Amino acid sequence: MIAGQPLYVLLLIGLAGLYAGMQNALAGGGSFITFPALLLAGLNPLAANMSSTIALFPSQIATSIAGRKMVSGVGGVSFRSLFIISIVGGVLGAILLLSTPVSIFSNLVPWLVLFATTAFAWGSFGFKPKAAGEAGHMPSWAILLVQGLIAIYGGYFGGGIGFLMLAALTIAGQQVKTASATKNALAMTMNASAVAIFAFSPMINWAAVVALGIGGVLGGVGGAWLIHRLPERLLRGFVVLVGISLTIWLFVR
């Protein structure tokens, strides 16, 4: 376990958290950094996934609070309904994850990372949000169903949920800025329910969580300063490259 290894391991994990926090503030995809960092540090995939989710949660709270005035419902579905289904889905996903044996989850991880990388790449370079004034075309039941499925996936693994929600919300009719604030709040909601369950797991490495969490918060502050100074597409491209490399490594290891 990481807690029994030299201090430099925790420092390296903290640096990974620092970069992940900046990445999340600038372009998203911080879990693509923290998850492989914890794998390389010696955690099994299940423990790494849960520890990463808990560690990045404080920065998600800060992001959600910052944009709370812009959150909104969409297509006849209130934000309250989206909020509730995100909690329920996050709980179901977390319970499903805890019910998955480490050996089975290890075999699923390459496919989950491949899916998350594809979703991130699509959101970064392929998906085009609706223009202002362009109407959405999703019935209320479809919006709730899609958000519920995304929430279950978010509680189970979570990679790429930001872009999945951004796509769903804008297709349903929200404008990009409103959708960004709404998906941040909903991502925090589904992860809150997952974190509340993961926190009781004996597999959580709290030394790694603290190191990642501190680095993530500092990185978020630094990212806010760098947001107008670094090209976003370059950062997104780097995350996609990391995701592709991680996917290949997980398949062949």
Protein backbone atom coordinates (compact mmCIF):
# COMPACT_ATOMS: atom_id res chain seq x y z
CA MET A 1 0.00 0.00 0.00
CA ILE A 2 1.12 3.54 -0.71
CA ALA A 3 1.06 4.54 2.95
CA GLY A 4 3.94 2.12 3.57
CA GLN A 5 6.14 3.40 0.77
CA PRO A 6 8.67 6.27 0.77
CA LEU A 7 7.51 9.87 0.97
CA TYR A 8 8.57 10.56 -2.60
CA VAL A 9 5.77 8.28 -3.83
CA LEU A 10 3.18 10.48 -2.10
CA LEU A 11 4.90 13.58 -3.48
CA LEU A 12 4.67 12.19 -7.00
CA ILE A 13 0.99 11.39 -6.45
CA GLY A 14 0.51 14.94 -5.19
CA LEU A 15 2.12 16.26 -8.37
CA ALA A 16 -0.26 14.10 -10.40
CA GLY A 17 -3.13 15.64 -8.44
CA LEU A 18 -1.72 19.12 -9.08
CA TYR A 19 -1.71 18.54 -12.82
CA ALA A 20 -5.13 16.86 -12.72
CA GLY A 21 -6.59 19.87 -10.89
CA MET A 22 -5.21 22.23 -13.53
CA GLN A 23 -6.42 19.93 -16.29
CA ASN A 24 -9.94 19.86 -14.85
CA ALA A 25 -10.04 23.63 -14.50
CA LEU A 26 -8.76 24.20 -18.03
CA ALA A 27 -10.21 21.42 -20.14
CA GLY A 28 -11.47 18.48 -18.06
CA GLY A 29 -10.18 14.92 -17.94
CA GLY A 30 -8.24 15.02 -14.68
CA SER A 31 -9.14 11.43 -13.82
CA PHE A 32 -7.11 10.33 -16.86
CA ILE A 33 -4.08 11.52 -14.89
CA THR A 34 -4.94 10.43 -11.34
CA PHE A 35 -6.19 6.93 -12.21
CA PRO A 36 -3.03 5.74 -14.01
CA ALA A 37 -0.86 7.49 -11.39
CA LEU A 38 -2.46 5.38 -8.67
CA LEU A 39 -2.14 2.23 -10.78
CA LEU A 40 1.56 2.89 -11.29
CA ALA A 41 1.92 3.52 -7.55
CA GLY A 42 0.69 0.02 -6.82
CA LEU A 43 -3.06 0.20 -6.20
CA ASN A 44 -5.33 -2.33 -7.86
CA PRO A 45 -7.76 -0.84 -10.42
CA LEU A 46 -10.75 -0.93 -8.06
CA ALA A 47 -8.92 0.84 -5.23
CA ALA A 48 -7.38 3.33 -7.67
CA ASN A 49 -10.78 4.20 -9.14
CA MET A 50 -12.43 4.77 -5.75
CA SER A 51 -9.46 6.68 -4.30
CA SER A 52 -9.30 8.93 -7.37
CA THR A 53 -13.04 9.69 -7.15
CA ILE A 54 -12.77 10.72 -3.49
CA ALA A 55 -9.59 12.76 -4.02
CA LEU A 56 -11.03 14.86 -6.86
CA PHE A 57 -14.34 15.49 -5.07
CA PRO A 58 -13.31 18.68 -3.16
CA SER A 59 -12.37 20.46 -6.39
CA GLN A 60 -15.73 19.41 -7.89
CA ILE A 61 -17.51 21.03 -4.96
CA ALA A 62 -15.64 24.28 -5.55
CA THR A 63 -16.44 24.23 -9.26
CA SER A 64 -20.12 23.55 -8.59
CA ILE A 65 -20.41 26.37 -6.06
CA ALA A 66 -18.77 28.79 -8.48
CA GLY A 67 -21.39 28.12 -11.16
CA ARG A 68 -24.43 27.48 -8.96
CA LYS A 69 -26.35 30.55 -10.21
CA MET A 70 -26.35 29.23 -13.80
CA VAL A 71 -27.70 25.72 -13.19
CA SER A 72 -31.05 24.98 -14.75
CA GLY A 73 -33.48 22.29 -15.77
CA VAL A 74 -34.04 21.47 -19.42
CA GLY A 75 -36.82 20.38 -21.75
CA GLY A 76 -39.57 20.37 -19.13
CA VAL A 77 -37.38 18.51 -16.60
CA SER A 78 -36.54 20.54 -13.50
CA PHE A 79 -33.02 20.72 -12.10
CA ARG A 80 -34.41 19.12 -8.95
CA SER A 81 -35.43 16.03 -10.94
CA LEU A 82 -32.00 15.88 -12.59
CA PHE A 83 -30.43 16.29 -9.14
CA ILE A 84 -32.45 13.44 -7.63
CA ILE A 85 -31.83 11.00 -10.48
CA SER A 86 -28.12 11.83 -10.36
CA ILE A 87 -28.00 10.92 -6.67
CA VAL A 88 -29.89 7.66 -7.25
CA GLY A 89 -27.76 6.74 -10.26
CA GLY A 90 -24.54 7.56 -8.43
CA VAL A 91 -25.56 5.31 -5.53
CA LEU A 92 -26.49 2.45 -7.87
CA GLY A 93 -23.21 2.79 -9.76
CA ALA A 94 -21.16 2.85 -6.55
CA ILE A 95 -22.96 -0.22 -5.16
CA LEU A 96 -22.43 -2.00 -8.47
CA LEU A 97 -18.72 -1.15 -8.33
CA LEU A 98 -18.35 -2.43 -4.77
CA SER A 99 -20.14 -5.62 -5.82
CA THR A 100 -17.67 -6.20 -8.63
CA PRO A 101 -14.72 -8.47 -7.75
CA VAL A 102 -11.30 -6.91 -8.32
CA SER A 103 -10.44 -9.55 -10.94
CA ILE A 104 -13.56 -8.80 -12.99
CA PHE A 105 -13.14 -5.03 -12.66
CA SER A 106 -9.51 -5.35 -13.77
CA ASN A 107 -10.72 -7.02 -16.96
CA LEU A 108 -13.37 -4.33 -17.47
CA VAL A 109 -11.03 -1.37 -16.92
CA PRO A 110 -9.40 -1.38 -20.40
CA TRP A 111 -12.85 -1.23 -22.01
CA LEU A 112 -14.03 1.48 -19.60
CA VAL A 113 -10.94 3.57 -20.30
CA LEU A 114 -11.40 3.04 -24.04
CA PHE A 115 -15.02 4.22 -23.76
CA ALA A 116 -14.03 7.21 -21.61
CA THR A 117 -11.23 8.18 -24.00
CA THR A 118 -13.61 7.97 -26.96
CA ALA A 119 -16.19 10.10 -25.14
CA PHE A 120 -13.55 12.68 -24.23
CA ALA A 121 -12.13 12.80 -27.75
CA TRP A 122 -15.63 13.15 -29.21
CA GLY A 123 -16.47 15.93 -26.78
CA SER A 124 -13.19 17.72 -27.43
CA PHE A 125 -12.86 17.45 -31.20
CA GLY A 126 -16.04 15.98 -32.70
CA PHE A 127 -19.14 17.09 -30.80
CA LYS A 128 -20.54 20.50 -31.72
CA PRO A 129 -22.93 22.00 -29.12
CA LYS A 130 -26.12 23.62 -30.36
CA ALA A 131 -25.94 27.23 -31.43
CA ALA A 132 -27.86 29.88 -29.52
CA GLY A 133 -31.54 29.77 -30.37
CA GLU A 134 -31.42 26.22 -31.76
CA ALA A 135 -34.17 24.12 -30.20
CA GLY A 136 -33.60 20.79 -28.55
CA HIS A 137 -35.53 17.65 -29.38
CA MET A 138 -35.61 15.26 -26.40
CA PRO A 139 -38.77 14.26 -24.51
CA SER A 140 -38.70 14.52 -20.72
CA TRP A 141 -38.58 10.75 -20.19
CA ALA A 142 -35.58 10.47 -22.52
CA ILE A 143 -33.70 13.22 -20.67
CA LEU A 144 -34.28 11.48 -17.33
CA LEU A 145 -33.32 8.09 -18.76
CA VAL A 146 -30.09 9.38 -20.30
CA GLN A 147 -29.12 11.27 -17.14
CA GLY A 148 -29.87 8.19 -15.04
CA LEU A 149 -27.64 6.00 -17.19
CA ILE A 150 -24.85 8.58 -17.13
CA ALA A 151 -25.18 8.80 -13.33
CA ILE A 152 -24.88 5.01 -12.94
CA TYR A 153 -21.79 5.06 -15.16
CA GLY A 154 -20.47 8.03 -13.17
CA GLY A 155 -20.82 6.19 -9.87
CA TYR A 156 -19.22 3.08 -11.35
CA PHE A 157 -16.28 4.59 -13.23
CA GLY A 158 -16.89 8.18 -14.28
CA GLY A 159 -14.37 8.85 -17.04
CA GLY A 160 -15.89 11.15 -19.67
CA ILE A 161 -19.13 11.90 -17.78
CA GLY A 162 -18.65 15.63 -18.22
CA PHE A 163 -18.77 15.40 -21.99
CA LEU A 164 -21.58 12.86 -21.96
CA MET A 165 -23.71 15.23 -19.87
CA LEU A 166 -22.70 18.28 -21.88
CA ALA A 167 -23.78 16.50 -25.04
CA ALA A 168 -27.09 15.33 -23.54
CA LEU A 169 -27.97 18.71 -22.02
CA THR A 170 -27.20 20.71 -25.15
CA ILE A 171 -29.03 18.24 -27.38
CA ALA A 172 -32.00 18.61 -25.02
CA GLY A 173 -31.92 22.38 -25.50
CA GLN A 174 -29.59 24.05 -23.00
CA GLN A 175 -27.07 26.63 -24.13
CA VAL A 176 -23.42 25.76 -23.64
CA LYS A 177 -22.66 27.98 -20.62
CA THR A 178 -25.77 26.84 -18.78
CA ALA A 179 -25.09 23.21 -19.70
CA SER A 180 -21.50 23.50 -18.42
CA ALA A 181 -22.66 24.81 -15.03
CA THR A 182 -25.46 22.25 -14.83
CA LYS A 183 -23.24 19.28 -15.69
CA ASN A 184 -20.65 20.42 -13.10
CA ALA A 185 -23.35 20.46 -10.41
CA LEU A 186 -24.75 17.10 -11.50
CA ALA A 187 -21.28 15.52 -11.69
CA MET A 188 -20.62 16.70 -8.14
CA THR A 189 -24.01 15.29 -7.08
CA MET A 190 -23.47 11.80 -8.48
CA ASN A 191 -19.93 11.69 -7.15
CA ALA A 192 -21.12 12.84 -3.71
CA SER A 193 -23.34 9.78 -3.43
CA ALA A 194 -20.53 7.55 -4.67
CA VAL A 195 -17.99 9.12 -2.29
CA ALA A 196 -20.33 8.63 0.67
CA ILE A 197 -20.30 4.90 -0.10
CA PHE A 198 -16.65 4.53 -1.14
CA ALA A 199 -15.46 6.23 2.05
CA PHE A 200 -16.35 3.12 4.06
CA SER A 201 -14.42 0.75 1.82
CA PRO A 202 -11.28 -0.78 3.36
CA MET A 203 -9.60 -0.55 -0.06
CA ILE A 204 -9.39 3.26 0.06
CA ASN A 205 -5.83 4.48 0.49
CA TRP A 206 -6.29 7.65 2.50
CA ALA A 207 -2.67 8.75 2.22
CA ALA A 208 -3.06 8.77 -1.57
CA VAL A 209 -6.44 10.50 -1.31
CA VAL A 210 -5.01 13.32 0.82
CA ALA A 211 -1.98 13.77 -1.47
CA LEU A 212 -4.17 13.81 -4.58
CA GLY A 213 -6.76 16.05 -2.96
CA ILE A 214 -4.28 18.70 -1.88
CA GLY A 215 -2.62 18.65 -5.28
CA GLY A 216 -6.02 18.85 -6.99
CA VAL A 217 -7.12 21.92 -5.04
CA LEU A 218 -3.83 23.72 -5.68
CA GLY A 219 -4.00 22.71 -9.33
CA GLY A 220 -7.54 24.07 -9.60
CA VAL A 221 -6.35 27.44 -8.31
CA GLY A 222 -3.43 27.40 -10.74
CA GLY A 223 -5.73 26.35 -13.57
CA ALA A 224 -7.98 29.33 -12.94
CA TRP A 225 -4.94 31.58 -13.41
CA LEU A 226 -3.75 29.74 -16.52
CA ILE A 227 -7.15 29.46 -18.19
CA HIS A 228 -6.51 32.43 -20.48
CA ARG A 229 -2.84 31.65 -21.03
CA LEU A 230 -2.73 28.09 -22.40
CA PRO A 231 -4.38 26.66 -25.54
CA GLU A 232 -7.30 24.44 -24.52
CA ARG A 233 -7.10 22.18 -27.58
CA LEU A 234 -3.49 21.32 -26.74
CA LEU A 235 -4.52 20.27 -23.23
CA ARG A 236 -7.44 18.22 -24.52
CA GLY A 237 -5.15 16.58 -27.07
CA PHE A 238 -2.73 15.63 -24.29
CA VAL A 239 -5.56 13.99 -22.31
CA VAL A 240 -6.65 12.00 -25.36
CA LEU A 241 -3.02 10.89 -25.88
CA VAL A 242 -2.83 9.80 -22.23
CA GLY A 243 -6.12 7.93 -22.59
CA ILE A 244 -4.95 6.11 -25.73
CA SER A 245 -1.64 5.20 -24.11
CA LEU A 246 -3.37 4.01 -20.94
CA THR A 247 -5.87 1.94 -22.95
CA ILE A 248 -3.07 0.20 -24.88
CA TRP A 249 -1.10 -0.41 -21.69
CA LEU A 250 -4.13 -1.88 -19.89
CA PHE A 251 -4.91 -4.22 -22.80
CA VAL A 252 -1.37 -5.56 -23.16
CA ARG A 253 -0.19 -5.69 -19.54
